[in-house]
Amino acid sequence: MDNKQKSLLEEKAAILKALGNPARLYIVERLKIKKTCVCDLVKDIDLDFSTVSRHLNTLKKAGIITSEKKGKQVFYRLEVPCILDFISCVERVIINNIEKQKNLIN
């Protein structure tokens, strides 16, 4: 593996790591509906403001979401909605695993 390949794999791993938290996955799935302010996410996730802000910052650093300030509020949106395709694929893996388990029991 050359340095370019290694660098690309490290970038991919960083993005997957950013998605590797239930709260961050919830945020991504929530943002597929519409732009959302931090205050609404805090209510929905039932985490404190600073924790939600840290999760948002992680997703933003990974390039998954962007922010836009309107007055005193900051709104977040998906920068790359295609990330939802990956999440759907993960859900298909879960369903496939459940089916395999059912077949082992029956």
PDB file of N, CA and C in Angstrom:
ATOM      1  N   MET A   1       0.854  -1.168   0.000  1.00  0.00           N
ATOM      2  CA  MET A   1       0.000   0.000   0.000  1.00  0.00           C
ATOM      3  C   MET A   1       0.904   1.236   0.000  1.00  0.00           C
ATOM      4  N   ASP A   2       0.619   2.138  -0.907  1.00  0.00           N
ATOM      5  CA  ASP A   2       1.418   3.363  -0.956  1.00  0.00           C
ATOM      6  C   ASP A   2       0.819   4.429  -0.031  1.00  0.00           C
ATOM      7  N   ASN A   3       1.505   5.548   0.110  1.00  0.00           N
ATOM      8  CA  ASN A   3       1.075   6.617   1.025  1.00  0.00           C
ATOM      9  C   ASN A   3      -0.269   7.205   0.648  1.00  0.00           C
ATOM     10  N   LYS A   4      -0.530   7.324  -0.655  1.00  0.00           N
ATOM     11  CA  LYS A   4      -1.808   7.881  -1.122  1.00  0.00           C
ATOM     12  C   LYS A   4      -2.965   6.955  -0.714  1.00  0.00           C
ATOM     13  N   GLN A   5      -2.786   5.654  -0.917  1.00  0.00           N
ATOM     14  CA  GLN A   5      -3.819   4.688  -0.529  1.00  0.00           C
ATOM     15  C   GLN A   5      -4.025   4.712   0.983  1.00  0.00           C
ATOM     16  N   LYS A   6      -2.920   4.745   1.712  1.00  0.00           N
ATOM     17  CA  LYS A   6      -3.000   4.760   3.172  1.00  0.00           C
ATOM     18  C   LYS A   6      -3.744   5.996   3.656  1.00  0.00           C
ATOM     19  N   SER A   7      -3.448   7.146   3.073  1.00  0.00           N
ATOM     20  CA  SER A   7      -4.102   8.391   3.449  1.00  0.00           C
ATOM     21  C   SER A   7      -5.608   8.326   3.180  1.00  0.00           C
ATOM     22  N   LEU A   8      -5.971   7.793   2.020  1.00  0.00           N
ATOM     23  CA  LEU A   8      -7.392   7.663   1.680  1.00  0.00           C
ATOM     24  C   LEU A   8      -8.104   6.722   2.649  1.00  0.00           C
ATOM     25  N   LEU A   9      -7.473   5.615   2.994  1.00  0.00           N
ATOM     26  CA  LEU A   9      -8.074   4.677   3.945  1.00  0.00           C
ATOM     27  C   LEU A   9      -8.226   5.307   5.330  1.00  0.00           C
ATOM     28  N   GLU A  10      -7.258   6.123   5.722  1.00  0.00           N
ATOM     29  CA  GLU A  10      -7.361   6.820   7.003  1.00  0.00           C
ATOM     30  C   GLU A  10      -8.516   7.812   6.999  1.00  0.00           C
ATOM     31  N   GLU A  11      -8.726   8.504   5.884  1.00  0.00           N
ATOM     32  CA  GLU A  11      -9.856   9.429   5.764  1.00  0.00           C
ATOM     33  C   GLU A  11     -11.186   8.681   5.841  1.00  0.00           C
ATOM     34  N   LYS A  12     -11.261   7.554   5.162  1.00  0.00           N
ATOM     35  CA  LYS A  12     -12.481   6.738   5.215  1.00  0.00           C
ATOM     36  C   LYS A  12     -12.749   6.271   6.638  1.00  0.00           C
ATOM     37  N   ALA A  13     -11.717   5.820   7.315  1.00  0.00           N
ATOM     38  CA  ALA A  13     -11.864   5.349   8.697  1.00  0.00           C
ATOM     39  C   ALA A  13     -12.336   6.475   9.611  1.00  0.00           C
ATOM     40  N   ALA A  14     -11.845   7.700   9.394  1.00  0.00           N
ATOM     41  CA  ALA A  14     -12.259   8.839  10.210  1.00  0.00           C
ATOM     42  C   ALA A  14     -13.751   9.126  10.025  1.00  0.00           C
ATOM     43  N   ILE A  15     -14.233   8.999   8.803  1.00  0.00           N
ATOM     44  CA  ILE A  15     -15.658   9.220   8.539  1.00  0.00           C
ATOM     45  C   ILE A  15     -16.494   8.135   9.201  1.00  0.00           C
ATOM     46  N   LEU A  16     -16.063   6.887   9.064  1.00  0.00           N
ATOM     47  CA  LEU A  16     -16.792   5.787   9.705  1.00  0.00           C
ATOM     48  C   LEU A  16     -16.766   5.928  11.225  1.00  0.00           C
ATOM     49  N   LYS A  17     -15.644   6.367  11.752  1.00  0.00           N
ATOM     50  CA  LYS A  17     -15.539   6.585  13.201  1.00  0.00           C
ATOM     51  C   LYS A  17     -16.515   7.674  13.644  1.00  0.00           C
ATOM     52  N   ALA A  18     -16.651   8.727  12.844  1.00  0.00           N
ATOM     53  CA  ALA A  18     -17.588   9.800  13.178  1.00  0.00           C
ATOM     54  C   ALA A  18     -19.023   9.277  13.229  1.00  0.00           C
ATOM     55  N   LEU A  19     -19.321   8.285  12.423  1.00  0.00           N
ATOM     56  CA  LEU A  19     -20.671   7.705  12.413  1.00  0.00           C
ATOM     57  C   LEU A  19     -20.844   6.635  13.492  1.00  0.00           C
ATOM     58  N   GLY A  20     -19.751   6.269  14.155  1.00  0.00           N
ATOM     59  CA  GLY A  20     -19.770   5.146  15.078  1.00  0.00           C
ATOM     60  C   GLY A  20     -20.267   5.457  16.473  1.00  0.00           C
ATOM     61  N   ASN A  21     -21.311   6.226  16.574  1.00  0.00           N
ATOM     62  CA  ASN A  21     -21.895   6.571  17.858  1.00  0.00           C
ATOM     63  C   ASN A  21     -23.407   6.696  17.665  1.00  0.00           C
ATOM     64  N   PRO A  22     -24.199   6.080  18.536  1.00  0.00           N
ATOM     65  CA  PRO A  22     -25.663   6.134  18.356  1.00  0.00           C
ATOM     66  C   PRO A  22     -26.230   7.551  18.287  1.00  0.00           C
ATOM     67  N   ALA A  23     -25.723   8.454  19.105  1.00  0.00           N
ATOM     68  CA  ALA A  23     -26.242   9.828  19.077  1.00  0.00           C
ATOM     69  C   ALA A  23     -25.921  10.496  17.748  1.00  0.00           C
ATOM     70  N   ARG A  24     -24.716  10.273  17.228  1.00  0.00           N
ATOM     71  CA  ARG A  24     -24.347  10.892  15.953  1.00  0.00           C
ATOM     72  C   ARG A  24     -25.143  10.280  14.804  1.00  0.00           C
ATOM     73  N   LEU A  25     -25.384   8.978  14.868  1.00  0.00           N
ATOM     74  CA  LEU A  25     -26.235   8.356  13.841  1.00  0.00           C
ATOM     75  C   LEU A  25     -27.643   8.940  13.890  1.00  0.00           C
ATOM     76  N   TYR A  26     -28.153   9.148  15.097  1.00  0.00           N
ATOM     77  CA  TYR A  26     -29.476   9.754  15.231  1.00  0.00           C
ATOM     78  C   TYR A  26     -29.487  11.139  14.598  1.00  0.00           C
ATOM     79  N   ILE A  27     -28.448  11.923  14.871  1.00  0.00           N
ATOM     80  CA  ILE A  27     -28.371  13.275  14.313  1.00  0.00           C
ATOM     81  C   ILE A  27     -28.394  13.221  12.786  1.00  0.00           C
ATOM     82  N   VAL A  28     -27.597  12.334  12.208  1.00  0.00           N
ATOM     83  CA  VAL A  28     -27.555  12.217  10.745  1.00  0.00           C
ATOM     84  C   VAL A  28     -28.935  11.841  10.208  1.00  0.00           C
ATOM     85  N   GLU A  29     -29.569  10.868  10.833  1.00  0.00           N
ATOM     86  CA  GLU A  29     -30.895  10.451  10.365  1.00  0.00           C
ATOM     87  C   GLU A  29     -31.925  11.552  10.574  1.00  0.00           C
ATOM     88  N   ARG A  30     -31.800  12.311  11.632  1.00  0.00           N
ATOM     89  CA  ARG A  30     -32.719  13.425  11.906  1.00  0.00           C
ATOM     90  C   ARG A  30     -32.553  14.530  10.868  1.00  0.00           C
ATOM     91  N   LEU A  31     -31.314  14.757  10.439  1.00  0.00           N
ATOM     92  CA  LEU A  31     -31.053  15.823   9.479  1.00  0.00           C
ATOM     93  C   LEU A  31     -31.489  15.470   8.063  1.00  0.00           C
ATOM     94  N   LYS A  32     -31.847  14.215   7.823  1.00  0.00           N
ATOM     95  CA  LYS A  32     -32.345  13.877   6.488  1.00  0.00           C
ATOM     96  C   LYS A  32     -33.715  14.515   6.260  1.00  0.00           C
ATOM     97  N   ILE A  33     -34.406  14.832   7.324  1.00  0.00           N
ATOM     98  CA  ILE A  33     -35.739  15.418   7.231  1.00  0.00           C
ATOM     99  C   ILE A  33     -35.661  16.907   6.894  1.00  0.00           C
ATOM    100  N   LYS A  34     -34.839  17.648   7.651  1.00  0.00           N
ATOM    101  CA  LYS A  34     -34.719  19.097   7.425  1.00  0.00           C
ATOM    102  C   LYS A  34     -33.558  19.655   8.230  1.00  0.00           C
ATOM    103  N   LYS A  35     -33.179  20.894   7.903  1.00  0.00           N
ATOM    104  CA  LYS A  35     -32.188  21.606   8.712  1.00  0.00           C
ATOM    105  C   LYS A  35     -32.731  21.699  10.131  1.00  0.00           C
ATOM    106  N   THR A  36     -31.835  21.580  11.090  1.00  0.00           N
ATOM    107  CA  THR A  36     -32.276  21.562  12.486  1.00  0.00           C
ATOM    108  C   THR A  36     -31.313  22.368  13.344  1.00  0.00           C
ATOM    109  N   CYS A  37     -31.867  23.079  14.311  1.00  0.00           N
ATOM    110  CA  CYS A  37     -31.010  23.840  15.222  1.00  0.00           C
ATOM    111  C   CYS A  37     -30.572  22.958  16.384  1.00  0.00           C
ATOM    112  N   VAL A  38     -29.507  23.381  17.025  1.00  0.00           N
ATOM    113  CA  VAL A  38     -28.964  22.622  18.151  1.00  0.00           C
ATOM    114  C   VAL A  38     -30.022  22.440  19.233  1.00  0.00           C
ATOM    115  N   CYS A  39     -30.797  23.468  19.478  1.00  0.00           N
ATOM    116  CA  CYS A  39     -31.792  23.410  20.555  1.00  0.00           C
ATOM    117  C   CYS A  39     -32.790  22.267  20.339  1.00  0.00           C
ATOM    118  N   ASP A  40     -33.218  22.049  19.110  1.00  0.00           N
ATOM    119  CA  ASP A  40     -34.149  20.948  18.831  1.00  0.00           C
ATOM    120  C   ASP A  40     -33.474  19.591  18.983  1.00  0.00           C
ATOM    121  N   LEU A  41     -32.220  19.506  18.575  1.00  0.00           N
ATOM    122  CA  LEU A  41     -31.496  18.242  18.719  1.00  0.00           C
ATOM    123  C   LEU A  41     -31.296  17.896  20.190  1.00  0.00           C
ATOM    124  N   VAL A  42     -31.019  18.912  21.009  1.00  0.00           N
ATOM    125  CA  VAL A  42     -30.843  18.684  22.444  1.00  0.00           C
ATOM    126  C   VAL A  42     -32.121  18.093  23.038  1.00  0.00           C
ATOM    127  N   LYS A  43     -33.273  18.632  22.659  1.00  0.00           N
ATOM    128  CA  LYS A  43     -34.562  18.112  23.146  1.00  0.00           C
ATOM    129  C   LYS A  43     -34.790  16.682  22.677  1.00  0.00           C
ATOM    130  N   ASP A  44     -34.509  16.415  21.397  1.00  0.00           N
ATOM    131  CA  ASP A  44     -34.774  15.104  20.811  1.00  0.00           C
ATOM    132  C   ASP A  44     -33.881  14.005  21.371  1.00  0.00           C
ATOM    133  N   ILE A  45     -32.612  14.300  21.548  1.00  0.00           N
ATOM    134  CA  ILE A  45     -31.645  13.274  21.952  1.00  0.00           C
ATOM    135  C   ILE A  45     -31.620  13.102  23.460  1.00  0.00           C
ATOM    136  N   ASP A  46     -32.061  14.105  24.202  1.00  0.00           N
ATOM    137  CA  ASP A  46     -32.047  14.076  25.657  1.00  0.00           C
ATOM    138  C   ASP A  46     -30.620  13.996  26.196  1.00  0.00           C
ATOM    139  N   LEU A  47     -29.748  14.779  25.592  1.00  0.00           N
ATOM    140  CA  LEU A  47     -28.379  14.954  26.071  1.00  0.00           C
ATOM    141  C   LEU A  47     -28.173  16.442  26.320  1.00  0.00           C
ATOM    142  N   ASP A  48     -27.178  16.782  27.113  1.00  0.00           N
ATOM    143  CA  ASP A  48     -26.956  18.200  27.378  1.00  0.00           C
ATOM    144  C   ASP A  48     -26.380  18.896  26.151  1.00  0.00           C
ATOM    145  N   PHE A  49     -26.489  20.203  26.172  1.00  0.00           N
ATOM    146  CA  PHE A  49     -26.108  21.035  25.032  1.00  0.00           C
ATOM    147  C   PHE A  49     -24.657  20.805  24.618  1.00  0.00           C
ATOM    148  N   SER A  50     -23.748  20.744  25.590  1.00  0.00           N
ATOM    149  CA  SER A  50     -22.327  20.601  25.252  1.00  0.00           C
ATOM    150  C   SER A  50     -22.032  19.252  24.609  1.00  0.00           C
ATOM    151  N   THR A  51     -22.718  18.203  25.038  1.00  0.00           N
ATOM    152  CA  THR A  51     -22.512  16.877  24.443  1.00  0.00           C
ATOM    153  C   THR A  51     -23.011  16.850  23.007  1.00  0.00           C
ATOM    154  N   VAL A  52     -24.184  17.410  22.774  1.00  0.00           N
ATOM    155  CA  VAL A  52     -24.721  17.471  21.411  1.00  0.00           C
ATOM    156  C   VAL A  52     -23.806  18.313  20.530  1.00  0.00           C
ATOM    157  N   SER A  53     -23.311  19.409  21.052  1.00  0.00           N
ATOM    158  CA  SER A  53     -22.393  20.263  20.288  1.00  0.00           C
ATOM    159  C   SER A  53     -21.118  19.505  19.915  1.00  0.00           C
ATOM    160  N   ARG A  54     -20.597  18.711  20.834  1.00  0.00           N
ATOM    161  CA  ARG A  54     -19.409  17.901  20.530  1.00  0.00           C
ATOM    162  C   ARG A  54     -19.693  16.904  19.418  1.00  0.00           C
ATOM    163  N   HIS A  55     -20.862  16.258  19.481  1.00  0.00           N
ATOM    164  CA  HIS A  55     -21.242  15.304  18.428  1.00  0.00           C
ATOM    165  C   HIS A  55     -21.364  16.019  17.081  1.00  0.00           C
ATOM    166  N   LEU A  56     -21.983  17.178  17.092  1.00  0.00           N
ATOM    167  CA  LEU A  56     -22.126  17.955  15.862  1.00  0.00           C
ATOM    168  C   LEU A  56     -20.765  18.353  15.306  1.00  0.00           C
ATOM    169  N   ASN A  57     -19.878  18.750  16.173  1.00  0.00           N
ATOM    170  CA  ASN A  57     -18.534  19.139  15.746  1.00  0.00           C
ATOM    171  C   ASN A  57     -17.795  17.959  15.119  1.00  0.00           C
ATOM    172  N   THR A  58     -17.956  16.778  15.689  1.00  0.00           N
ATOM    173  CA  THR A  58     -17.326  15.567  15.130  1.00  0.00           C
ATOM    174  C   THR A  58     -17.841  15.296  13.727  1.00  0.00           C
ATOM    175  N   LEU A  59     -19.153  15.389  13.547  1.00  0.00           N
ATOM    176  CA  LEU A  59     -19.751  15.162  12.229  1.00  0.00           C
ATOM    177  C   LEU A  59     -19.338  16.254  11.239  1.00  0.00           C
ATOM    178  N   LYS A  60     -19.221  17.468  11.726  1.00  0.00           N
ATOM    179  CA  LYS A  60     -18.821  18.580  10.860  1.00  0.00           C
ATOM    180  C   LYS A  60     -17.363  18.428  10.423  1.00  0.00           C
ATOM    181  N   LYS A  61     -16.484  18.056  11.338  1.00  0.00           N
ATOM    182  CA  LYS A  61     -15.069  17.846  11.001  1.00  0.00           C
ATOM    183  C   LYS A  61     -14.901  16.728   9.976  1.00  0.00           C
ATOM    184  N   ALA A  62     -15.785  15.741  10.045  1.00  0.00           N
ATOM    185  CA  ALA A  62     -15.730  14.626   9.105  1.00  0.00           C
ATOM    186  C   ALA A  62     -16.307  14.998   7.741  1.00  0.00           C
ATOM    187  N   GLY A  63     -16.935  16.172   7.640  1.00  0.00           N
ATOM    188  CA  GLY A  63     -17.503  16.627   6.372  1.00  0.00           C
ATOM    189  C   GLY A  63     -18.884  16.084   6.084  1.00  0.00           C
ATOM    190  N   ILE A  64     -19.539  15.534   7.091  1.00  0.00           N
ATOM    191  CA  ILE A  64     -20.851  14.915   6.908  1.00  0.00           C
ATOM    192  C   ILE A  64     -21.967  15.957   7.004  1.00  0.00           C
ATOM    193  N   ILE A  65     -21.786  16.953   7.863  1.00  0.00           N
ATOM    194  CA  ILE A  65     -22.783  18.005   8.030  1.00  0.00           C
ATOM    195  C   ILE A  65     -22.120  19.369   7.896  1.00  0.00           C
ATOM    196  N   THR A  66     -22.949  20.378   7.700  1.00  0.00           N
ATOM    197  CA  THR A  66     -22.490  21.769   7.698  1.00  0.00           C
ATOM    198  C   THR A  66     -23.413  22.571   8.608  1.00  0.00           C
ATOM    199  N   SER A  67     -22.964  23.771   8.949  1.00  0.00           N
ATOM    200  CA  SER A  67     -23.781  24.622   9.813  1.00  0.00           C
ATOM    201  C   SER A  67     -23.977  25.985   9.164  1.00  0.00           C
ATOM    202  N   GLU A  68     -25.058  26.612   9.591  1.00  0.00           N
ATOM    203  CA  GLU A  68     -25.390  27.952   9.090  1.00  0.00           C
ATOM    204  C   GLU A  68     -25.978  28.737  10.254  1.00  0.00           C
ATOM    205  N   LYS A  69     -25.409  29.871  10.523  1.00  0.00           N
ATOM    206  CA  LYS A  69     -25.893  30.684  11.632  1.00  0.00           C
ATOM    207  C   LYS A  69     -26.977  31.635  11.143  1.00  0.00           C
ATOM    208  N   LYS A  70     -28.098  31.637  11.861  1.00  0.00           N
ATOM    209  CA  LYS A  70     -29.200  32.562  11.584  1.00  0.00           C
ATOM    210  C   LYS A  70     -29.541  33.251  12.891  1.00  0.00           C
ATOM    211  N   GLY A  71     -29.127  34.499  12.991  1.00  0.00           N
ATOM    212  CA  GLY A  71     -29.314  35.207  14.256  1.00  0.00           C
ATOM    213  C   GLY A  71     -28.454  34.567  15.325  1.00  0.00           C
ATOM    214  N   LYS A  72     -29.086  34.177  16.424  1.00  0.00           N
ATOM    215  CA  LYS A  72     -28.356  33.548  17.522  1.00  0.00           C
ATOM    216  C   LYS A  72     -28.354  32.019  17.406  1.00  0.00           C
ATOM    217  N   GLN A  73     -29.127  31.490  16.479  1.00  0.00           N
ATOM    218  CA  GLN A  73     -29.233  30.040  16.343  1.00  0.00           C
ATOM    219  C   GLN A  73     -28.324  29.516  15.241  1.00  0.00           C
ATOM    220  N   VAL A  74     -27.855  28.293  15.457  1.00  0.00           N
ATOM    221  CA  VAL A  74     -27.055  27.610  14.454  1.00  0.00           C
ATOM    222  C   VAL A  74     -27.869  26.419  13.961  1.00  0.00           C
ATOM    223  N   PHE A  75     -28.037  26.340  12.642  1.00  0.00           N
ATOM    224  CA  PHE A  75     -28.781  25.252  12.028  1.00  0.00           C
ATOM    225  C   PHE A  75     -27.806  24.319  11.319  1.00  0.00           C
ATOM    226  N   TYR A  76     -28.083  23.042  11.406  1.00  0.00           N
ATOM    227  CA  TYR A  76     -27.233  22.028  10.780  1.00  0.00           C
ATOM    228  C   TYR A  76     -28.012  21.307   9.693  1.00  0.00           C
ATOM    229  N   ARG A  77     -27.279  20.899   8.655  1.00  0.00           N
ATOM    230  CA  ARG A  77     -27.887  20.122   7.578  1.00  0.00           C
ATOM    231  C   ARG A  77     -26.866  19.111   7.080  1.00  0.00           C
ATOM    232  N   LEU A  78     -27.357  18.101   6.396  1.00  0.00           N
ATOM    233  CA  LEU A  78     -26.456  17.114   5.797  1.00  0.00           C
ATOM    234  C   LEU A  78     -25.718  17.750   4.636  1.00  0.00           C
ATOM    235  N   GLU A  79     -24.421  17.614   4.632  1.00  0.00           N
ATOM    236  CA  GLU A  79     -23.612  18.097   3.521  1.00  0.00           C
ATOM    237  C   GLU A  79     -23.639  17.083   2.386  1.00  0.00           C
ATOM    238  N   VAL A  80     -23.677  15.813   2.755  1.00  0.00           N
ATOM    239  CA  VAL A  80     -23.657  14.723   1.771  1.00  0.00           C
ATOM    240  C   VAL A  80     -24.780  13.729   2.103  1.00  0.00           C
ATOM    241  N   PRO A  81     -25.985  13.998   1.607  1.00  0.00           N
ATOM    242  CA  PRO A  81     -27.116  13.111   1.908  1.00  0.00           C
ATOM    243  C   PRO A  81     -26.898  11.657   1.482  1.00  0.00           C
ATOM    244  N   CYS A  82     -25.950  11.422   0.588  1.00  0.00           N
ATOM    245  CA  CYS A  82     -25.698  10.040   0.163  1.00  0.00           C
ATOM    246  C   CYS A  82     -25.200   9.166   1.310  1.00  0.00           C
ATOM    247  N   ILE A  83     -24.796   9.781   2.420  1.00  0.00           N
ATOM    248  CA  ILE A  83     -24.372   9.007   3.587  1.00  0.00           C
ATOM    249  C   ILE A  83     -25.530   8.141   4.084  1.00  0.00           C
ATOM    250  N   LEU A  84     -26.754   8.568   3.791  1.00  0.00           N
ATOM    251  CA  LEU A  84     -27.936   7.796   4.183  1.00  0.00           C
ATOM    252  C   LEU A  84     -28.005   6.478   3.425  1.00  0.00           C
ATOM    253  N   ASP A  85     -27.445   6.434   2.216  1.00  0.00           N
ATOM    254  CA  ASP A  85     -27.381   5.171   1.466  1.00  0.00           C
ATOM    255  C   ASP A  85     -26.537   4.155   2.224  1.00  0.00           C
ATOM    256  N   PHE A  86     -25.430   4.627   2.780  1.00  0.00           N
ATOM    257  CA  PHE A  86     -24.569   3.744   3.567  1.00  0.00           C
ATOM    258  C   PHE A  86     -25.315   3.240   4.798  1.00  0.00           C
ATOM    259  N   ILE A  87     -26.036   4.131   5.465  1.00  0.00           N
ATOM    260  CA  ILE A  87     -26.788   3.737   6.659  1.00  0.00           C
ATOM    261  C   ILE A  87     -27.866   2.715   6.290  1.00  0.00           C
ATOM    262  N   SER A  88     -28.505   2.886   5.150  1.00  0.00           N
ATOM    263  CA  SER A  88     -29.485   1.891   4.675  1.00  0.00           C
ATOM    264  C   SER A  88     -28.816   0.555   4.427  1.00  0.00           C
ATOM    265  N   CYS A  89     -27.611   0.586   3.904  1.00  0.00           N
ATOM    266  CA  CYS A  89     -26.861  -0.645   3.671  1.00  0.00           C
ATOM    267  C   CYS A  89     -26.561  -1.343   5.001  1.00  0.00           C
ATOM    268  N   VAL A  90     -26.208  -0.575   6.011  1.00  0.00           N
ATOM    269  CA  VAL A  90     -25.949  -1.140   7.339  1.00  0.00           C
ATOM    270  C   VAL A  90     -27.216  -1.813   7.866  1.00  0.00           C
ATOM    271  N   GLU A  91     -28.356  -1.173   7.652  1.00  0.00           N
ATOM    272  CA  GLU A  91     -29.628  -1.760   8.085  1.00  0.00           C
ATOM    273  C   GLU A  91     -29.895  -3.076   7.364  1.00  0.00           C
ATOM    274  N   ARG A  92     -29.533  -3.161   6.087  1.00  0.00           N
ATOM    275  CA  ARG A  92     -29.709  -4.419   5.343  1.00  0.00           C
ATOM    276  C   ARG A  92     -28.809  -5.513   5.904  1.00  0.00           C
ATOM    277  N   VAL A  93     -27.620  -5.144   6.340  1.00  0.00           N
ATOM    278  CA  VAL A  93     -26.724  -6.125   6.973  1.00  0.00           C
ATOM    279  C   VAL A  93     -27.353  -6.647   8.263  1.00  0.00           C
ATOM    280  N   ILE A  94     -27.947  -5.760   9.044  1.00  0.00           N
ATOM    281  CA  ILE A  94     -28.611  -6.161  10.289  1.00  0.00           C
ATOM    282  C   ILE A  94     -29.745  -7.138   9.993  1.00  0.00           C
ATOM    283  N   ILE A  95     -30.568  -6.817   9.013  1.00  0.00           N
ATOM    284  CA  ILE A  95     -31.686  -7.699   8.637  1.00  0.00           C
ATOM    285  C   ILE A  95     -31.159  -9.046   8.162  1.00  0.00           C
ATOM    286  N   ASN A  96     -30.119  -9.021   7.362  1.00  0.00           N
ATOM    287  CA  ASN A  96     -29.511 -10.259   6.869  1.00  0.00           C
ATOM    288  C   ASN A  96     -28.999 -11.114   8.031  1.00  0.00           C
ATOM    289  N   ASN A  97     -28.365 -10.483   9.009  1.00  0.00           N
ATOM    290  CA  ASN A  97     -27.863 -11.211  10.168  1.00  0.00           C
ATOM    291  C   ASN A  97     -28.990 -11.827  10.983  1.00  0.00           C
ATOM    292  N   ILE A  98     -30.088 -11.090  11.116  1.00  0.00           N
ATOM    293  CA  ILE A  98     -31.258 -11.617  11.841  1.00  0.00           C
ATOM    294  C   ILE A  98     -31.817 -12.838  11.108  1.00  0.00           C
ATOM    295  N   GLU A  99     -31.919 -12.743   9.801  1.00  0.00           N
ATOM    296  CA  GLU A  99     -32.419 -13.870   9.008  1.00  0.00           C
ATOM    297  C   GLU A  99     -31.520 -15.091   9.161  1.00  0.00           C
ATOM    298  N   LYS A 100     -30.227 -14.888   9.155  1.00  0.00           N
ATOM    299  CA  LYS A 100     -29.289 -16.005   9.344  1.00  0.00           C
ATOM    300  C   LYS A 100     -29.493 -16.654  10.704  1.00  0.00           C
ATOM    301  N   GLN A 101     -29.683 -15.838  11.726  1.00  0.00           N
ATOM    302  CA  GLN A 101     -29.909 -16.367  13.070  1.00  0.00           C
ATOM    303  C   GLN A 101     -31.209 -17.159  13.135  1.00  0.00           C
ATOM    304  N   LYS A 102     -32.260 -16.660  12.477  1.00  0.00           N
ATOM    305  CA  LYS A 102     -33.527 -17.366  12.441  1.00  0.00           C
ATOM    306  C   LYS A 102     -33.367 -18.729  11.772  1.00  0.00           C
ATOM    307  N   ASN A 103     -32.600 -18.764  10.693  1.00  0.00           N
ATOM    308  CA  ASN A 103     -32.384 -20.021   9.984  1.00  0.00           C
ATOM    309  C   ASN A 103     -31.593 -21.021  10.815  1.00  0.00           C
ATOM    310  N   LEU A 104     -30.730 -20.551  11.675  1.00  0.00           N
ATOM    311  CA  LEU A 104     -29.972 -21.460  12.539  1.00  0.00           C
ATOM    312  C   LEU A 104     -30.855 -22.061  13.622  1.00  0.00           C
ATOM    313  N   ILE A 105     -31.849 -21.278  14.075  1.00  0.00           N
ATOM    314  CA  ILE A 105     -32.746 -21.746  15.127  1.00  0.00           C
ATOM    315  C   ILE A 105     -33.765 -22.730  14.558  1.00  0.00           C
ATOM    316  N   ASN A 106     -34.248 -22.466  13.368  1.00  0.00           N
ATOM    317  CA  ASN A 106     -35.307 -23.303  12.778  1.00  0.00           C
ATOM    318  C   ASN A 106     -34.756 -24.505  12.137  1.00  0.00           C
TER     319      ASN A 106
END
